[in-house]
Protein backbone atom coordinates (compact mmCIF):
# COMPACT_ATOMS: atom_id res chain seq x y z
CA MET A 1 6.33 -24.05 28.29
CA ARG A 2 3.48 -22.90 26.07
CA SER A 3 2.87 -19.55 24.47
CA LEU A 4 -0.30 -17.89 23.32
CA LEU A 5 -0.30 -15.49 20.37
CA LEU A 6 -3.05 -12.93 20.77
CA PRO A 7 -4.21 -10.96 17.74
CA VAL A 8 -3.55 -7.22 17.81
CA PRO A 9 -5.79 -5.07 15.57
CA PRO A 10 -3.97 -3.22 12.78
CA LYS A 11 -2.67 0.25 13.56
CA ILE A 12 -2.02 2.56 10.61
CA ASN A 13 0.78 5.07 11.03
CA ASP A 14 -0.86 8.15 9.49
CA LEU A 15 2.34 10.21 9.60
CA GLU A 16 4.14 7.75 7.27
CA SER A 17 1.15 6.90 5.04
CA SER A 18 -0.44 8.57 2.03
CA PRO A 19 -3.58 10.66 2.58
CA SER A 20 -6.81 8.63 2.54
CA SER A 21 -8.00 10.43 -0.60
CA ILE A 22 -5.96 11.59 -3.59
CA SER A 23 -6.80 12.58 -7.15
CA VAL A 24 -4.61 11.90 -10.18
CA ARG A 25 -5.12 13.05 -13.75
CA GLU A 26 -5.54 10.31 -16.33
CA ASN A 27 -2.22 8.91 -17.63
CA ASN A 28 -0.29 10.35 -14.66
CA ASN A 29 1.37 8.33 -11.90
CA ALA A 30 0.54 8.12 -8.22
CA SER A 31 2.60 6.65 -5.41
CA LEU A 32 0.70 5.24 -2.45
CA VAL A 33 2.24 4.32 0.90
CA CYS A 34 0.59 2.58 3.84
CA LYS A 35 2.55 1.81 6.99
CA ALA A 36 0.66 -0.52 9.35
CA GLU A 37 1.48 -2.95 12.11
CA GLY A 38 -0.40 -5.61 14.05
CA THR A 39 -0.40 -9.31 14.89
CA PRO A 40 -0.54 -11.11 12.58
CA ASP A 41 1.02 -8.68 10.07
CA PRO A 42 -1.81 -6.79 8.35
CA THR A 43 -2.62 -7.30 4.68
CA ILE A 44 -2.91 -3.98 2.84
CA ARG A 45 -5.34 -3.73 -0.08
CA TRP A 46 -5.98 -0.70 -2.24
CA ARG A 47 -9.32 0.02 -3.87
CA ARG A 48 -11.04 2.73 -5.83
CA GLU A 49 -14.31 4.27 -4.68
CA ASP A 50 -15.94 3.39 -8.01
CA LYS A 51 -14.84 -0.26 -7.60
CA LYS A 52 -13.00 -0.21 -10.96
CA PRO A 53 -9.73 -2.16 -11.03
CA ILE A 54 -6.47 -0.41 -10.22
CA ILE A 55 -4.07 -0.97 -13.11
CA ILE A 56 -0.44 -1.29 -12.07
CA LYS A 57 2.20 -0.79 -14.71
CA ARG A 58 5.62 -1.96 -13.64
CA ARG A 59 8.72 -0.56 -15.24
CA LYS A 60 12.37 -1.01 -14.41
CA LYS A 61 14.39 2.02 -13.43
CA GLU A 62 17.57 2.33 -15.42
CA GLY A 63 20.74 1.61 -13.50
CA LYS A 64 19.00 0.18 -10.42
CA LYS A 65 17.84 -3.28 -9.43
CA GLY A 66 14.16 -3.85 -8.76
CA THR A 67 11.04 -2.30 -10.13
CA LYS A 68 8.88 0.69 -9.44
CA ALA A 69 5.13 0.36 -9.50
CA GLY A 70 3.25 3.11 -11.26
CA VAL A 71 -0.48 3.37 -10.70
């Protein structure tokens, strides 16, 4: 028996994702969420309109395992 895996274009779930455009004051944090599905699993990349790099500062939350990304 053989199987064929057909690609399925990514579908973004807008109800569970961040708006496509947000503004944040300098030195403040932003949290971005993108929920997408497809075959193969989509790769999600964030970018700024001005093409400048997005700086991610990671800090550990006290009392919990894991890290939180602040942008």
